[in-house]
């Protein structure tokens, strides 16, 4: 049992991390934005504190008396009106959070990075924690912010910060309220809107395994080390994944026709041009499209060996995600 602070607790992964910490008896404080919807935490025995990653003073108050910190809060979007917002939140905000935690004497921190912070091997190969970042051609503001923040945190370890870094793959499962871009793939399939597929692949993982990986990293993770939280069997081409969703959901004609990468990139360019004229978010961006055309497969062997990361079948994550979307009125 420990007194923990969880940022991003209303988010998809953070909500599951919060639930696990409550269940194991931790005294849980969650940081929420002023005015943020707290309903995802209904029924959980947690203490609320208001804070904003862009307001360093609020972070100092949030960490007072805390022994452990799970920092999951981040901006995950393919487009923002302010191109620098990803860096303000995911880099500067993360630094402020970690500096406040360090100054208050927090014993250990688990920092949520992303598999986007490492490179892509390609040709069916699997990236590891040591794979050098090579995603410059498709590095959106989000990807760059995760890469920079990952390196920043590693640098802070050399200054004495007691942090372990975790890098989730693409999470699927129940409770995807937004929904996230991963959940949107399932939701569009359920609505019969995924008759096409494209080159590229996913590194799918059950969101509950990702949450367990956070807690295991707090318990067993080595200071300064990074751990990929993914499922070895979850690495698969987009078409295979989408057809699996269709089969489980009972939706016919999923991923029947391939759309070429060239066509997708032309559409993305047009979407960005229209966005500049209207000021509205595009359905995709050129760099985001380049990224989804990659086969970004990863190897979670280190987290399995050192942390005991669970490997729930992807079929289970997809089945439970489908059921949750249907029961909660998304379809």
Protein backbone atom coordinates (compact mmCIF):
# COMPACT_ATOMS: atom_id res chain seq x y z
CA UNK A 1 0.00 0.00 0.00
CA UNK A 2 1.22 3.45 -0.89
CA UNK A 3 -0.09 6.98 -1.31
CA UNK A 4 -0.12 7.48 -5.07
CA UNK A 5 -0.94 10.30 -7.46
CA UNK A 6 -2.26 9.41 -10.90
CA UNK A 7 -2.42 11.98 -13.68
CA UNK A 8 -4.58 11.24 -16.70
CA UNK A 9 -6.82 9.07 -14.53
CA UNK A 10 -9.94 9.79 -16.60
CA UNK A 11 -8.21 8.61 -19.78
CA UNK A 12 -8.45 5.16 -21.35
CA UNK A 13 -5.28 3.67 -19.85
CA UNK A 14 -5.24 5.88 -16.75
CA UNK A 15 -8.73 4.81 -15.74
CA UNK A 16 -7.67 1.16 -15.70
CA UNK A 17 -4.47 2.00 -13.79
CA UNK A 18 -6.55 3.87 -11.20
CA UNK A 19 -8.89 0.91 -10.79
CA UNK A 20 -5.98 -1.48 -10.22
CA UNK A 21 -4.36 0.80 -7.64
CA UNK A 22 -7.64 1.14 -5.74
CA UNK A 23 -8.18 -2.62 -5.84
CA UNK A 24 -4.74 -3.35 -4.40
CA UNK A 25 -5.33 -0.99 -1.51
CA UNK A 26 -3.32 2.08 -2.45
CA UNK A 27 -4.43 5.46 -1.16
CA UNK A 28 -5.17 7.06 -4.50
CA UNK A 29 -5.19 10.75 -5.41
CA UNK A 30 -6.08 11.68 -8.98
CA UNK A 31 -5.27 14.94 -10.68
CA UNK A 32 -8.03 16.36 -12.89
CA UNK A 33 -8.30 19.55 -14.89
CA UNK A 34 -10.60 22.25 -13.50
CA UNK A 35 -14.05 21.50 -14.88
CA UNK A 36 -13.03 18.09 -16.23
CA UNK A 37 -15.66 15.34 -16.37
CA UNK A 38 -15.01 13.07 -13.38
CA UNK A 39 -17.66 10.47 -14.23
CA UNK A 40 -15.13 7.86 -15.49
CA UNK A 41 -14.02 7.60 -11.85
CA UNK A 42 -17.50 7.11 -10.40
CA UNK A 43 -17.55 4.41 -7.76
CA UNK A 44 -13.81 4.54 -7.12
CA UNK A 45 -12.50 5.54 -3.71
CA UNK A 46 -10.16 8.32 -4.79
CA UNK A 47 -9.18 11.81 -3.67
CA UNK A 48 -9.50 14.52 -6.31
CA UNK A 49 -7.03 17.35 -6.74
CA UNK A 50 -7.23 19.94 -9.49
CA UNK A 51 -4.14 20.58 -11.56
CA UNK A 52 -3.00 21.66 -15.00
CA UNK A 53 0.27 20.65 -16.65
CA UNK A 54 0.54 24.23 -17.95
CA UNK A 55 0.34 25.58 -14.37
CA UNK A 56 3.46 24.47 -12.45
CA UNK A 57 2.18 25.82 -9.12
CA UNK A 58 -0.86 23.53 -9.29
CA UNK A 59 1.46 20.55 -9.75
CA UNK A 60 3.43 21.41 -6.63
CA UNK A 61 0.20 21.26 -4.64
CA UNK A 62 -0.89 18.02 -6.32
CA UNK A 63 2.20 16.03 -5.29
CA UNK A 64 2.33 17.06 -1.63
CA UNK A 65 2.48 14.00 0.63
CA UNK A 66 2.65 11.56 -2.30
CA UNK A 67 4.95 8.51 -2.26
CA UNK A 68 4.45 7.27 -5.82
CA UNK A 69 3.47 9.00 -9.08
CA UNK A 70 1.97 7.54 -12.23
CA UNK A 71 2.25 10.22 -14.90
CA UNK A 72 -0.07 9.34 -17.77
CA UNK A 73 -1.55 12.74 -18.62
CA UNK A 74 -0.65 13.82 -22.16
CA UNK A 75 -2.11 15.33 -25.29
CA UNK A 76 -2.83 12.67 -27.93
CA UNK A 77 -4.29 14.24 -31.08
CA UNK A 78 -3.50 14.14 -34.79
CA UNK A 79 -4.10 17.89 -35.13
CA UNK A 80 -4.31 20.99 -32.93
CA UNK A 81 -4.91 24.67 -33.72
CA UNK A 82 -1.73 25.47 -31.81
CA UNK A 83 1.08 23.38 -33.38
CA UNK A 84 3.16 23.81 -30.23
CA UNK A 85 0.51 22.52 -27.82
CA UNK A 86 1.87 18.95 -27.89
CA UNK A 87 5.27 20.25 -26.78
CA UNK A 88 3.80 22.54 -24.14
CA UNK A 89 1.89 19.66 -22.53
CA UNK A 90 3.89 16.52 -23.32
CA UNK A 91 7.35 18.00 -22.85
CA UNK A 92 7.22 21.18 -20.76
CA UNK A 93 4.24 20.00 -18.71
CA UNK A 94 5.82 16.62 -18.08
CA UNK A 95 9.04 18.29 -16.95
CA UNK A 96 7.13 20.51 -14.53
CA UNK A 97 5.28 17.49 -13.15
CA UNK A 98 8.42 15.45 -12.63
CA UNK A 99 10.35 18.36 -11.13
CA UNK A 100 7.53 18.95 -8.65
CA UNK A 101 7.51 15.25 -7.75
CA UNK A 102 11.27 15.18 -7.31
CA UNK A 103 11.26 18.28 -5.13
CA UNK A 104 8.55 16.83 -2.90
CA UNK A 105 10.53 13.62 -2.33
CA UNK A 106 8.39 11.16 -4.28
CA UNK A 107 9.94 7.70 -3.89
CA UNK A 108 9.22 6.38 -7.40
CA UNK A 109 7.63 7.49 -10.65
CA UNK A 110 6.23 5.51 -13.56
CA UNK A 111 6.27 7.70 -16.67
CA UNK A 112 4.06 6.77 -19.61
CA UNK A 113 5.89 7.19 -22.89
CA UNK A 114 4.90 5.42 -26.12
CA UNK A 115 6.20 2.95 -28.70
CA UNK A 116 6.13 6.03 -30.96
CA UNK A 117 9.24 7.20 -29.05
CA UNK A 118 11.37 4.42 -30.55
CA UNK A 119 12.09 3.48 -34.14
CA UNK A 120 10.30 1.18 -36.57
CA UNK A 121 12.27 -1.79 -37.88
CA UNK A 122 10.09 -2.52 -40.91
CA UNK A 123 10.14 -5.62 -43.12
CA UNK A 124 8.23 -7.53 -40.46
CA UNK A 125 10.91 -6.89 -37.82
CA UNK A 126 10.18 -6.15 -34.17
CA UNK A 127 11.45 -3.04 -32.42
CA UNK A 128 12.81 -3.25 -28.89
CA UNK A 129 13.52 -0.67 -26.22
CA UNK A 130 16.95 -0.19 -27.83
CA UNK A 131 15.70 0.51 -31.37
CA UNK A 132 16.89 3.98 -32.33
CA UNK A 133 14.25 6.51 -33.33
CA UNK A 134 14.01 6.73 -37.12
CA UNK A 135 10.51 8.10 -37.60
CA UNK A 136 11.52 11.54 -38.85
CA UNK A 137 9.57 11.32 -42.17
CA UNK A 138 6.26 10.75 -40.36
CA UNK A 139 7.06 12.42 -37.06
CA UNK A 140 3.97 14.49 -36.24
CA UNK A 141 3.96 16.96 -33.36
CA UNK A 142 2.61 14.17 -31.15
CA UNK A 143 5.32 11.67 -32.12
CA UNK A 144 8.06 14.27 -31.77
CA UNK A 145 6.74 15.33 -28.37
CA UNK A 146 6.80 11.71 -27.14
CA UNK A 147 10.32 11.17 -28.48
CA UNK A 148 11.60 14.39 -26.90
CA UNK A 149 9.87 13.78 -23.56
CA UNK A 150 11.23 10.22 -23.46
CA UNK A 151 14.78 11.49 -23.92
CA UNK A 152 14.16 14.28 -21.42
CA UNK A 153 13.06 11.80 -18.75
CA UNK A 154 16.10 9.61 -19.38
CA UNK A 155 18.23 12.70 -18.86
CA UNK A 156 16.47 13.49 -15.59
CA UNK A 157 17.31 9.98 -14.34
CA UNK A 158 20.99 10.94 -14.51
CA UNK A 159 20.12 13.82 -12.17
CA UNK A 160 18.63 11.43 -9.63
CA UNK A 161 14.99 11.17 -10.71
CA UNK A 162 13.62 7.77 -9.53
CA UNK A 163 11.62 6.93 -12.66
CA UNK A 164 10.79 3.87 -14.72
CA UNK A 165 9.47 4.44 -18.26
CA UNK A 166 6.73 2.37 -19.88
CA UNK A 167 5.87 2.41 -23.58
CA UNK A 168 2.37 1.13 -24.41
CA UNK A 169 1.50 -0.34 -27.79
CA UNK A 170 -1.96 0.25 -29.30
CA UNK A 171 -4.47 -0.46 -26.51
CA UNK A 172 -7.89 -2.01 -27.08
CA UNK A 173 -10.56 -3.04 -24.60
CA UNK A 174 -13.51 -1.81 -22.55
CA UNK A 175 -13.92 1.75 -21.31
CA UNK A 176 -12.66 3.64 -24.38
CA UNK A 177 -14.90 6.64 -23.84
CA UNK A 178 -13.41 9.17 -26.28
CA UNK A 179 -12.96 6.85 -28.22
CA UNK A 180 -9.21 6.83 -28.91
CA UNK A 181 -7.88 6.37 -32.47
CA UNK A 182 -7.52 2.65 -31.72
CA UNK A 183 -11.08 2.36 -30.46
CA UNK A 184 -12.27 4.29 -33.50
CA UNK A 185 -10.99 1.46 -35.72
CA UNK A 186 -13.31 -0.95 -33.92
CA UNK A 187 -16.22 1.48 -33.80
CA UNK A 188 -16.02 2.20 -37.54
CA UNK A 189 -15.94 -1.54 -38.18
CA UNK A 190 -19.08 -2.02 -36.09
CA UNK A 191 -20.80 0.69 -38.14
CA UNK A 192 -19.89 -1.02 -41.43
CA UNK A 193 -17.45 1.73 -42.42
CA UNK A 194 -14.28 -0.37 -42.70
CA UNK A 195 -14.80 -2.12 -46.03
CA UNK A 196 -11.37 -0.88 -47.13
CA UNK A 197 -7.94 -1.59 -45.73
CA UNK A 198 -4.46 -0.20 -46.23
CA UNK A 199 -0.87 -1.31 -45.94
CA UNK A 200 0.70 -1.15 -42.50
CA UNK A 201 0.29 -2.99 -39.25
CA UNK A 202 -0.66 -2.61 -35.59
CA UNK A 203 0.90 -3.64 -32.29
CA UNK A 204 -2.37 -4.35 -30.50
CA UNK A 205 -2.54 -5.01 -26.75
CA UNK A 206 -5.28 -5.37 -24.15
CA UNK A 207 -5.62 -2.09 -22.25
CA UNK A 208 -5.88 -4.06 -19.00
CA UNK A 209 -2.47 -5.60 -19.67
CA UNK A 210 -1.09 -2.10 -20.23
CA UNK A 211 -2.57 -0.99 -16.91
CA UNK A 212 -1.12 -4.04 -15.16
CA UNK A 213 2.22 -3.20 -16.75
CA UNK A 214 2.17 0.22 -15.11
CA UNK A 215 1.56 -1.26 -11.66
CA UNK A 216 4.17 -3.97 -12.23
CA UNK A 217 6.66 -1.31 -13.35
CA UNK A 218 6.07 0.53 -10.07
CA UNK A 219 6.68 -2.69 -8.14
CA UNK A 220 9.49 -4.27 -10.16
CA UNK A 221 10.72 -1.88 -12.83
CA UNK A 222 14.34 -0.81 -12.65
CA UNK A 223 15.09 2.88 -12.29
CA UNK A 224 16.07 4.41 -15.61
CA UNK A 225 14.85 1.45 -17.65
CA UNK A 226 12.17 1.46 -20.35
CA UNK A 227 9.63 -1.33 -20.92
CA UNK A 228 7.44 -1.93 -23.97
CA UNK A 229 3.92 -2.84 -22.84
CA UNK A 230 2.56 -4.84 -25.74
CA UNK A 231 1.50 -8.30 -26.86
CA UNK A 232 3.83 -10.35 -29.06
CA UNK A 233 0.84 -11.95 -30.81
CA UNK A 234 -0.77 -8.53 -31.29
CA UNK A 235 1.64 -7.58 -34.07
CA UNK A 236 -0.35 -8.02 -37.28
CA UNK A 237 -1.17 -6.33 -40.60
CA UNK A 238 -4.09 -3.91 -40.57
CA UNK A 239 -6.16 -6.15 -42.81
CA UNK A 240 -5.75 -9.15 -40.51
CA UNK A 241 -6.70 -7.09 -37.47
CA UNK A 242 -9.76 -5.49 -39.07
CA UNK A 243 -11.03 -8.82 -40.39
CA UNK A 244 -10.63 -10.31 -36.91
CA UNK A 245 -12.78 -7.47 -35.53
CA UNK A 246 -15.38 -8.09 -38.22
CA UNK A 247 -15.49 -11.83 -37.53
CA UNK A 248 -15.88 -11.36 -33.77
CA UNK A 249 -18.50 -8.65 -34.24
CA UNK A 250 -20.44 -10.50 -36.91
CA UNK A 251 -20.00 -7.66 -39.41
CA UNK A 252 -19.62 -8.77 -43.05
CA UNK A 253 -17.37 -7.43 -45.81
CA UNK A 254 -14.69 -5.92 -43.57
CA UNK A 255 -11.33 -4.98 -45.13
CA UNK A 256 -12.19 -6.35 -48.58
CA UNK A 257 -10.62 -3.69 -50.80
CA UNK A 258 -7.11 -2.27 -50.51
CA UNK A 259 -6.63 1.47 -50.76
CA UNK A 260 -3.14 2.37 -51.94
CA UNK A 261 -0.84 4.43 -49.81
CA UNK A 262 -0.49 7.00 -52.62
CA UNK A 263 -4.23 7.57 -52.68
CA UNK A 264 -4.38 7.88 -48.89
CA UNK A 265 -1.55 10.42 -48.87
CA UNK A 266 -3.23 12.52 -51.58
CA UNK A 267 -6.45 12.53 -49.58
CA UNK A 268 -4.51 13.52 -46.45
CA UNK A 269 -2.91 16.45 -48.28
CA UNK A 270 -6.32 17.62 -49.44
CA UNK A 271 -7.71 17.27 -45.91
CA UNK A 272 -4.93 19.44 -44.53
CA UNK A 273 -5.51 22.09 -47.21
CA UNK A 274 -9.21 22.23 -46.37
CA UNK A 275 -8.37 22.42 -42.68
CA UNK A 276 -6.27 25.54 -43.26
CA UNK A 277 -9.22 27.15 -45.03
CA UNK A 278 -11.90 26.16 -42.51
CA UNK A 279 -9.90 26.08 -39.28
CA UNK A 280 -11.47 22.71 -38.48
CA UNK A 281 -9.58 19.54 -37.62
CA UNK A 282 -8.85 17.34 -40.66
CA UNK A 283 -9.93 13.70 -40.63
CA UNK A 284 -6.24 12.86 -40.93
CA UNK A 285 -2.92 14.52 -41.70
CA UNK A 286 -0.15 13.66 -44.13
CA UNK A 287 2.28 12.57 -41.42
CA UNK A 288 -0.37 10.63 -39.51
CA UNK A 289 -1.20 8.78 -42.72
CA UNK A 290 2.46 8.01 -43.33
CA UNK A 291 2.65 6.61 -39.80
CA UNK A 292 -0.36 4.30 -40.14
CA UNK A 293 1.14 2.91 -43.35
CA UNK A 294 4.12 1.56 -41.37
CA UNK A 295 4.39 -1.91 -39.89
CA UNK A 296 5.28 -0.76 -36.39
CA UNK A 297 5.74 -4.12 -34.67
CA UNK A 298 7.32 -4.34 -31.22
CA UNK A 299 8.79 -6.98 -28.92
CA UNK A 300 7.57 -6.94 -25.29
CA UNK A 301 10.00 -9.68 -24.19
CA UNK A 302 11.77 -7.44 -21.66
CA UNK A 303 8.54 -6.48 -19.87
CA UNK A 304 7.37 -10.10 -19.88
CA UNK A 305 10.64 -11.34 -18.40
CA UNK A 306 11.31 -8.58 -15.85
CA UNK A 307 7.83 -7.41 -14.91
CA UNK A 308 5.65 -10.44 -15.61
CA UNK A 309 3.58 -8.46 -18.14
CA UNK A 310 0.35 -10.38 -18.90
CA UNK A 311 -0.36 -11.49 -22.48
CA UNK A 312 -4.13 -11.55 -22.74
CA UNK A 313 -5.24 -12.79 -26.18
CA UNK A 314 -6.04 -9.91 -28.53
CA UNK A 315 -9.32 -11.64 -29.36
CA UNK A 316 -10.36 -11.10 -25.73
CA UNK A 317 -9.52 -7.38 -25.86
CA UNK A 318 -11.46 -6.97 -29.11
CA UNK A 319 -14.45 -8.98 -27.86
CA UNK A 320 -14.68 -6.94 -24.67
CA UNK A 321 -14.23 -3.67 -26.58
CA UNK A 322 -17.05 -4.57 -28.99
CA UNK A 323 -19.33 -5.52 -26.12
CA UNK A 324 -18.56 -2.29 -24.24
CA UNK A 325 -19.22 -0.07 -27.27
CA UNK A 326 -22.51 -1.83 -27.95
CA UNK A 327 -23.69 -1.77 -24.34
CA UNK A 328 -22.85 1.92 -23.97
CA UNK A 329 -24.69 3.21 -27.01
CA UNK A 330 -21.80 3.88 -29.38
CA UNK A 331 -23.23 1.84 -32.26
